[in-house]
Amino acid sequence: MVVLIVAIVMFASIIRARYGYGRHRQRGDSAISPEDQGENLRLREELKELKERLKVLERITVDKENSLAKEIESLRDR
């Protein structure tokens, strides 16, 4: 009896996954609400800003390492 119940649940989940039915959404109901669209745009902009800041920080650290290495080498050459 338990095996039959498990088989039915597995079959139903496979069918649901194959045809795109989710827990909270019916098939074909892929419209995103305007609030979610606005939130997505805001988060994308924030992500772009954070990536730019990360690039600047990486450039600063690399530049410092290179300049520090150059200074050490110039001191060794004396």
PDB file of N, CA and C in Angstrom:
ATOM      1  N   MET A   1       0.831  -1.185   0.000  1.00  0.00           N
ATOM      2  CA  MET A   1       0.000   0.000   0.000  1.00  0.00           C
ATOM      3  C   MET A   1       0.888   1.266   0.000  1.00  0.00           C
ATOM      4  N   VAL A   2       1.929   1.264   0.821  1.00  0.00           N
ATOM      5  CA  VAL A   2       2.823   2.408   0.909  1.00  0.00           C
ATOM      6  C   VAL A   2       3.556   2.603  -0.413  1.00  0.00           C
ATOM      7  N   VAL A   3       3.957   1.524  -1.035  1.00  0.00           N
ATOM      8  CA  VAL A   3       4.665   1.606  -2.304  1.00  0.00           C
ATOM      9  C   VAL A   3       3.754   2.229  -3.367  1.00  0.00           C
ATOM     10  N   LEU A   4       2.488   1.889  -3.343  1.00  0.00           N
ATOM     11  CA  LEU A   4       1.533   2.439  -4.298  1.00  0.00           C
ATOM     12  C   LEU A   4       1.373   3.948  -4.091  1.00  0.00           C
ATOM     13  N   ILE A   5       1.308   4.400  -2.854  1.00  0.00           N
ATOM     14  CA  ILE A   5       1.187   5.826  -2.552  1.00  0.00           C
ATOM     15  C   ILE A   5       2.436   6.575  -3.000  1.00  0.00           C
ATOM     16  N   VAL A   6       3.602   6.024  -2.718  1.00  0.00           N
ATOM     17  CA  VAL A   6       4.849   6.663  -3.132  1.00  0.00           C
ATOM     18  C   VAL A   6       4.924   6.741  -4.653  1.00  0.00           C
ATOM     19  N   ALA A   7       4.519   5.692  -5.346  1.00  0.00           N
ATOM     20  CA  ALA A   7       4.536   5.680  -6.810  1.00  0.00           C
ATOM     21  C   ALA A   7       3.594   6.732  -7.371  1.00  0.00           C
ATOM     22  N   ILE A   8       2.425   6.895  -6.791  1.00  0.00           N
ATOM     23  CA  ILE A   8       1.467   7.898  -7.256  1.00  0.00           C
ATOM     24  C   ILE A   8       2.026   9.303  -7.052  1.00  0.00           C
ATOM     25  N   VAL A   9       2.633   9.553  -5.918  1.00  0.00           N
ATOM     26  CA  VAL A   9       3.206  10.872  -5.637  1.00  0.00           C
ATOM     27  C   VAL A   9       4.357  11.155  -6.600  1.00  0.00           C
ATOM     28  N   MET A  10       5.197  10.189  -6.844  1.00  0.00           N
ATOM     29  CA  MET A  10       6.309  10.375  -7.776  1.00  0.00           C
ATOM     30  C   MET A  10       5.798  10.643  -9.186  1.00  0.00           C
ATOM     31  N   PHE A  11       4.806   9.896  -9.622  1.00  0.00           N
ATOM     32  CA  PHE A  11       4.234  10.083 -10.945  1.00  0.00           C
ATOM     33  C   PHE A  11       3.619  11.479 -11.072  1.00  0.00           C
ATOM     34  N   ALA A  12       2.899  11.917 -10.055  1.00  0.00           N
ATOM     35  CA  ALA A  12       2.273  13.240 -10.088  1.00  0.00           C
ATOM     36  C   ALA A  12       3.325  14.343 -10.127  1.00  0.00           C
ATOM     37  N   SER A  13       4.404  14.193  -9.374  1.00  0.00           N
ATOM     38  CA  SER A  13       5.439  15.228  -9.372  1.00  0.00           C
ATOM     39  C   SER A  13       6.178  15.273 -10.708  1.00  0.00           C
ATOM     40  N   ILE A  14       6.377  14.135 -11.338  1.00  0.00           N
ATOM     41  CA  ILE A  14       7.021  14.106 -12.651  1.00  0.00           C
ATOM     42  C   ILE A  14       6.134  14.793 -13.682  1.00  0.00           C
ATOM     43  N   ILE A  15       4.847  14.502 -13.670  1.00  0.00           N
ATOM     44  CA  ILE A  15       3.911  15.132 -14.602  1.00  0.00           C
ATOM     45  C   ILE A  15       3.866  16.637 -14.364  1.00  0.00           C
ATOM     46  N   ARG A  16       3.816  17.030 -13.114  1.00  0.00           N
ATOM     47  CA  ARG A  16       3.756  18.459 -12.782  1.00  0.00           C
ATOM     48  C   ARG A  16       5.030  19.175 -13.238  1.00  0.00           C
ATOM     49  N   ALA A  17       6.180  18.565 -13.065  1.00  0.00           N
ATOM     50  CA  ALA A  17       7.437  19.177 -13.491  1.00  0.00           C
ATOM     51  C   ALA A  17       7.537  19.220 -15.020  1.00  0.00           C
ATOM     52  N   ARG A  18       7.074  18.196 -15.662  1.00  0.00           N
ATOM     53  CA  ARG A  18       7.181  18.121 -17.123  1.00  0.00           C
ATOM     54  C   ARG A  18       6.312  19.175 -17.804  1.00  0.00           C
ATOM     55  N   TYR A  19       5.134  19.413 -17.301  1.00  0.00           N
ATOM     56  CA  TYR A  19       4.211  20.324 -17.962  1.00  0.00           C
ATOM     57  C   TYR A  19       4.177  21.716 -17.351  1.00  0.00           C
ATOM     58  N   GLY A  20       5.050  22.002 -16.404  1.00  0.00           N
ATOM     59  CA  GLY A  20       5.227  23.357 -15.915  1.00  0.00           C
ATOM     60  C   GLY A  20       4.275  23.803 -14.838  1.00  0.00           C
ATOM     61  N   TYR A  21       3.608  22.915 -14.178  1.00  0.00           N
ATOM     62  CA  TYR A  21       2.726  23.314 -13.089  1.00  0.00           C
ATOM     63  C   TYR A  21       3.550  23.457 -11.823  1.00  0.00           C
ATOM     64  N   GLY A  22       3.367  24.584 -11.132  1.00  0.00           N
ATOM     65  CA  GLY A  22       4.090  24.804  -9.890  1.00  0.00           C
ATOM     66  C   GLY A  22       3.153  24.760  -8.700  1.00  0.00           C
ATOM     67  N   ARG A  23       3.683  24.989  -7.557  1.00  0.00           N
ATOM     68  CA  ARG A  23       2.847  24.993  -6.357  1.00  0.00           C
ATOM     69  C   ARG A  23       1.976  26.235  -6.268  1.00  0.00           C
ATOM     70  N   HIS A  24       2.535  27.383  -6.654  1.00  0.00           N
ATOM     71  CA  HIS A  24       1.821  28.637  -6.452  1.00  0.00           C
ATOM     72  C   HIS A  24       1.305  29.235  -7.744  1.00  0.00           C
ATOM     73  N   ARG A  25       1.555  28.611  -8.846  1.00  0.00           N
ATOM     74  CA  ARG A  25       1.247  29.226 -10.123  1.00  0.00           C
ATOM     75  C   ARG A  25       0.660  28.175 -11.056  1.00  0.00           C
ATOM     76  N   GLN A  26      -0.353  28.555 -11.777  1.00  0.00           N
ATOM     77  CA  GLN A  26      -0.925  27.657 -12.768  1.00  0.00           C
ATOM     78  C   GLN A  26      -0.146  27.778 -14.062  1.00  0.00           C
ATOM     79  N   ARG A  27      -0.252  26.791 -14.911  1.00  0.00           N
ATOM     80  CA  ARG A  27       0.464  26.790 -16.185  1.00  0.00           C
ATOM     81  C   ARG A  27      -0.004  27.966 -17.041  1.00  0.00           C
ATOM     82  N   GLY A  28       0.968  28.668 -17.630  1.00  0.00           N
ATOM     83  CA  GLY A  28       0.641  29.795 -18.481  1.00  0.00           C
ATOM     84  C   GLY A  28       0.483  31.099 -17.724  1.00  0.00           C
ATOM     85  N   ASP A  29       0.544  31.062 -16.424  1.00  0.00           N
ATOM     86  CA  ASP A  29       0.389  32.267 -15.601  1.00  0.00           C
ATOM     87  C   ASP A  29       1.776  32.785 -15.232  1.00  0.00           C
ATOM     88  N   SER A  30       2.521  33.219 -16.235  1.00  0.00           N
ATOM     89  CA  SER A  30       3.896  33.644 -15.992  1.00  0.00           C
ATOM     90  C   SER A  30       4.027  35.158 -15.945  1.00  0.00           C
ATOM     91  N   ALA A  31       2.918  35.872 -15.874  1.00  0.00           N
ATOM     92  CA  ALA A  31       2.977  37.334 -15.824  1.00  0.00           C
ATOM     93  C   ALA A  31       3.539  37.774 -14.481  1.00  0.00           C
ATOM     94  N   ILE A  32       4.460  38.717 -14.548  1.00  0.00           N
ATOM     95  CA  ILE A  32       5.081  39.242 -13.336  1.00  0.00           C
ATOM     96  C   ILE A  32       4.365  40.530 -12.970  1.00  0.00           C
ATOM     97  N   SER A  33       4.061  40.685 -11.703  1.00  0.00           N
ATOM     98  CA  SER A  33       3.347  41.876 -11.267  1.00  0.00           C
ATOM     99  C   SER A  33       4.230  43.116 -11.436  1.00  0.00           C
ATOM    100  N   PRO A  34       3.630  44.290 -11.596  1.00  0.00           N
ATOM    101  CA  PRO A  34       4.422  45.522 -11.756  1.00  0.00           C
ATOM    102  C   PRO A  34       5.333  45.794 -10.564  1.00  0.00           C
ATOM    103  N   GLU A  35       4.889  45.425  -9.365  1.00  0.00           N
ATOM    104  CA  GLU A  35       5.735  45.621  -8.187  1.00  0.00           C
ATOM    105  C   GLU A  35       6.990  44.767  -8.283  1.00  0.00           C
ATOM    106  N   ASP A  36       6.810  43.517  -8.735  1.00  0.00           N
ATOM    107  CA  ASP A  36       7.966  42.625  -8.880  1.00  0.00           C
ATOM    108  C   ASP A  36       8.899  43.104  -9.989  1.00  0.00           C
ATOM    109  N   GLN A  37       8.342  43.631 -11.065  1.00  0.00           N
ATOM    110  CA  GLN A  37       9.172  44.153 -12.147  1.00  0.00           C
ATOM    111  C   GLN A  37      10.004  45.337 -11.657  1.00  0.00           C
ATOM    112  N   GLY A  38       9.358  46.228 -10.886  1.00  0.00           N
ATOM    113  CA  GLY A  38      10.091  47.367 -10.333  1.00  0.00           C
ATOM    114  C   GLY A  38      11.189  46.927  -9.387  1.00  0.00           C
ATOM    115  N   GLU A  39      10.880  45.946  -8.571  1.00  0.00           N
ATOM    116  CA  GLU A  39      11.867  45.412  -7.629  1.00  0.00           C
ATOM    117  C   GLU A  39      13.028  44.769  -8.383  1.00  0.00           C
ATOM    118  N   ASN A  40      12.720  44.026  -9.442  1.00  0.00           N
ATOM    119  CA  ASN A  40      13.769  43.401 -10.250  1.00  0.00           C
ATOM    120  C   ASN A  40      14.684  44.454 -10.858  1.00  0.00           C
ATOM    121  N   LEU A  41      14.104  45.519 -11.403  1.00  0.00           N
ATOM    122  CA  LEU A  41      14.917  46.584 -11.998  1.00  0.00           C
ATOM    123  C   LEU A  41      15.795  47.254 -10.952  1.00  0.00           C
ATOM    124  N   ARG A  42      15.231  47.507  -9.777  1.00  0.00           N
ATOM    125  CA  ARG A  42      16.001  48.143  -8.705  1.00  0.00           C
ATOM    126  C   ARG A  42      17.157  47.249  -8.278  1.00  0.00           C
ATOM    127  N   LEU A  43      16.898  45.971  -8.144  1.00  0.00           N
ATOM    128  CA  LEU A  43      17.953  45.040  -7.735  1.00  0.00           C
ATOM    129  C   LEU A  43      19.025  44.897  -8.802  1.00  0.00           C
ATOM    130  N   ARG A  44      18.635  44.937 -10.061  1.00  0.00           N
ATOM    131  CA  ARG A  44      19.633  44.867 -11.133  1.00  0.00           C
ATOM    132  C   ARG A  44      20.532  46.095 -11.122  1.00  0.00           C
ATOM    133  N   GLU A  45      19.943  47.270 -10.915  1.00  0.00           N
ATOM    134  CA  GLU A  45      20.738  48.495 -10.845  1.00  0.00           C
ATOM    135  C   GLU A  45      21.691  48.455  -9.647  1.00  0.00           C
ATOM    136  N   GLU A  46      21.184  47.965  -8.523  1.00  0.00           N
ATOM    137  CA  GLU A  46      22.031  47.867  -7.335  1.00  0.00           C
ATOM    138  C   GLU A  46      23.182  46.897  -7.581  1.00  0.00           C
ATOM    139  N   LEU A  47      22.901  45.802  -8.278  1.00  0.00           N
ATOM    140  CA  LEU A  47      23.944  44.833  -8.597  1.00  0.00           C
ATOM    141  C   LEU A  47      25.003  45.447  -9.504  1.00  0.00           C
ATOM    142  N   LYS A  48      24.573  46.240 -10.493  1.00  0.00           N
ATOM    143  CA  LYS A  48      25.533  46.911 -11.369  1.00  0.00           C
ATOM    144  C   LYS A  48      26.423  47.861 -10.574  1.00  0.00           C
ATOM    145  N   GLU A  49      25.819  48.631  -9.661  1.00  0.00           N
ATOM    146  CA  GLU A  49      26.603  49.556  -8.841  1.00  0.00           C
ATOM    147  C   GLU A  49      27.609  48.815  -7.976  1.00  0.00           C
ATOM    148  N   LEU A  50      27.180  47.702  -7.389  1.00  0.00           N
ATOM    149  CA  LEU A  50      28.084  46.922  -6.536  1.00  0.00           C
ATOM    150  C   LEU A  50      29.226  46.315  -7.349  1.00  0.00           C
ATOM    151  N   LYS A  51      28.938  45.882  -8.577  1.00  0.00           N
ATOM    152  CA  LYS A  51      29.999  45.351  -9.422  1.00  0.00           C
ATOM    153  C   LYS A  51      31.010  46.434  -9.762  1.00  0.00           C
ATOM    154  N   GLU A  52      30.541  47.639 -10.038  1.00  0.00           N
ATOM    155  CA  GLU A  52      31.449  48.747 -10.327  1.00  0.00           C
ATOM    156  C   GLU A  52      32.319  49.067  -9.111  1.00  0.00           C
ATOM    157  N   ARG A  53      31.711  49.081  -7.941  1.00  0.00           N
ATOM    158  CA  ARG A  53      32.485  49.346  -6.721  1.00  0.00           C
ATOM    159  C   ARG A  53      33.529  48.264  -6.507  1.00  0.00           C
ATOM    160  N   LEU A  54      33.163  47.016  -6.773  1.00  0.00           N
ATOM    161  CA  LEU A  54      34.107  45.918  -6.619  1.00  0.00           C
ATOM    162  C   LEU A  54      35.273  46.062  -7.591  1.00  0.00           C
ATOM    163  N   LYS A  55      34.978  46.462  -8.826  1.00  0.00           N
ATOM    164  CA  LYS A  55      36.051  46.677  -9.797  1.00  0.00           C
ATOM    165  C   LYS A  55      37.014  47.756  -9.319  1.00  0.00           C
ATOM    166  N   VAL A  56      36.468  48.845  -8.765  1.00  0.00           N
ATOM    167  CA  VAL A  56      37.316  49.924  -8.262  1.00  0.00           C
ATOM    168  C   VAL A  56      38.185  49.421  -7.121  1.00  0.00           C
ATOM    169  N   LEU A  57      37.586  48.685  -6.187  1.00  0.00           N
ATOM    170  CA  LEU A  57      38.360  48.164  -5.057  1.00  0.00           C
ATOM    171  C   LEU A  57      39.438  47.191  -5.520  1.00  0.00           C
ATOM    172  N   GLU A  58      39.115  46.353  -6.487  1.00  0.00           N
ATOM    173  CA  GLU A  58      40.129  45.435  -7.006  1.00  0.00           C
ATOM    174  C   GLU A  58      41.272  46.200  -7.666  1.00  0.00           C
ATOM    175  N   ARG A  59      40.933  47.228  -8.426  1.00  0.00           N
ATOM    176  CA  ARG A  59      41.964  48.023  -9.085  1.00  0.00           C
ATOM    177  C   ARG A  59      42.851  48.716  -8.052  1.00  0.00           C
ATOM    178  N   ILE A  60      42.243  49.236  -6.991  1.00  0.00           N
ATOM    179  CA  ILE A  60      43.018  49.906  -5.949  1.00  0.00           C
ATOM    180  C   ILE A  60      43.983  48.929  -5.284  1.00  0.00           C
ATOM    181  N   THR A  61      43.497  47.744  -4.939  1.00  0.00           N
ATOM    182  CA  THR A  61      44.365  46.777  -4.257  1.00  0.00           C
ATOM    183  C   THR A  61      45.474  46.293  -5.182  1.00  0.00           C
ATOM    184  N   VAL A  62      45.166  46.081  -6.440  1.00  0.00           N
ATOM    185  CA  VAL A  62      46.196  45.619  -7.378  1.00  0.00           C
ATOM    186  C   VAL A  62      47.229  46.718  -7.581  1.00  0.00           C
ATOM    187  N   ASP A  63      46.771  47.960  -7.728  1.00  0.00           N
ATOM    188  CA  ASP A  63      47.702  49.071  -7.913  1.00  0.00           C
ATOM    189  C   ASP A  63      48.604  49.226  -6.695  1.00  0.00           C
ATOM    190  N   LYS A  64      48.035  49.092  -5.510  1.00  0.00           N
ATOM    191  CA  LYS A  64      48.842  49.219  -4.296  1.00  0.00           C
ATOM    192  C   LYS A  64      49.881  48.104  -4.220  1.00  0.00           C
ATOM    193  N   GLU A  65      49.473  46.889  -4.566  1.00  0.00           N
ATOM    194  CA  GLU A  65      50.412  45.776  -4.521  1.00  0.00           C
ATOM    195  C   GLU A  65      51.545  45.997  -5.512  1.00  0.00           C
ATOM    196  N   ASN A  66      51.218  46.465  -6.689  1.00  0.00           N
ATOM    197  CA  ASN A  66      52.254  46.685  -7.699  1.00  0.00           C
ATOM    198  C   ASN A  66      53.190  47.812  -7.272  1.00  0.00           C
ATOM    199  N   SER A  67      52.637  48.902  -6.758  1.00  0.00           N
ATOM    200  CA  SER A  67      53.494  50.012  -6.359  1.00  0.00           C
ATOM    201  C   SER A  67      54.349  49.620  -5.158  1.00  0.00           C
ATOM    202  N   LEU A  68      53.781  48.853  -4.245  1.00  0.00           N
ATOM    203  CA  LEU A  68      54.549  48.400  -3.090  1.00  0.00           C
ATOM    204  C   LEU A  68      55.678  47.471  -3.540  1.00  0.00           C
ATOM    205  N   ALA A  69      55.382  46.586  -4.472  1.00  0.00           N
ATOM    206  CA  ALA A  69      56.411  45.680  -4.984  1.00  0.00           C
ATOM    207  C   ALA A  69      57.516  46.466  -5.678  1.00  0.00           C
ATOM    208  N   LYS A  70      57.147  47.497  -6.411  1.00  0.00           N
ATOM    209  CA  LYS A  70      58.146  48.327  -7.092  1.00  0.00           C
ATOM    210  C   LYS A  70      59.029  49.044  -6.081  1.00  0.00           C
ATOM    211  N   GLU A  71      58.438  49.560  -5.019  1.00  0.00           N
ATOM    212  CA  GLU A  71      59.218  50.244  -3.990  1.00  0.00           C
ATOM    213  C   GLU A  71      60.191  49.290  -3.307  1.00  0.00           C
ATOM    214  N   ILE A  72      59.733  48.078  -3.029  1.00  0.00           N
ATOM    215  CA  ILE A  72      60.605  47.091  -2.393  1.00  0.00           C
ATOM    216  C   ILE A  72      61.760  46.745  -3.308  1.00  0.00           C
ATOM    217  N   GLU A  73      61.473  46.557  -4.576  1.00  0.00           N
ATOM    218  CA  GLU A  73      62.535  46.245  -5.546  1.00  0.00           C
ATOM    219  C   GLU A  73      63.516  47.395  -5.683  1.00  0.00           C
ATOM    220  N   SER A  74      63.032  48.632  -5.649  1.00  0.00           N
ATOM    221  CA  SER A  74      63.950  49.771  -5.751  1.00  0.00           C
ATOM    222  C   SER A  74      64.835  49.865  -4.523  1.00  0.00           C
ATOM    223  N   LEU A  75      64.320  49.514  -3.357  1.00  0.00           N
ATOM    224  CA  LEU A  75      65.131  49.497  -2.139  1.00  0.00           C
ATOM    225  C   LEU A  75      66.166  48.381  -2.184  1.00  0.00           C
ATOM    226  N   ARG A  76      65.837  47.256  -2.767  1.00  0.00           N
ATOM    227  CA  ARG A  76      66.778  46.154  -2.887  1.00  0.00           C
ATOM    228  C   ARG A  76      67.909  46.500  -3.842  1.00  0.00           C
ATOM    229  N   ASP A  77      67.603  47.273  -4.872  1.00  0.00           N
ATOM    230  CA  ASP A  77      68.590  47.634  -5.876  1.00  0.00           C
ATOM    231  C   ASP A  77      69.653  48.599  -5.334  1.00  0.00           C
ATOM    232  N   ARG A  78      69.414  49.256  -4.261  1.00  0.00           N
ATOM    233  CA  ARG A  78      70.360  50.255  -3.716  1.00  0.00           C
ATOM    234  C   ARG A  78      71.600  49.633  -3.235  1.00  0.00           C
TER     235      ARG A  78
END
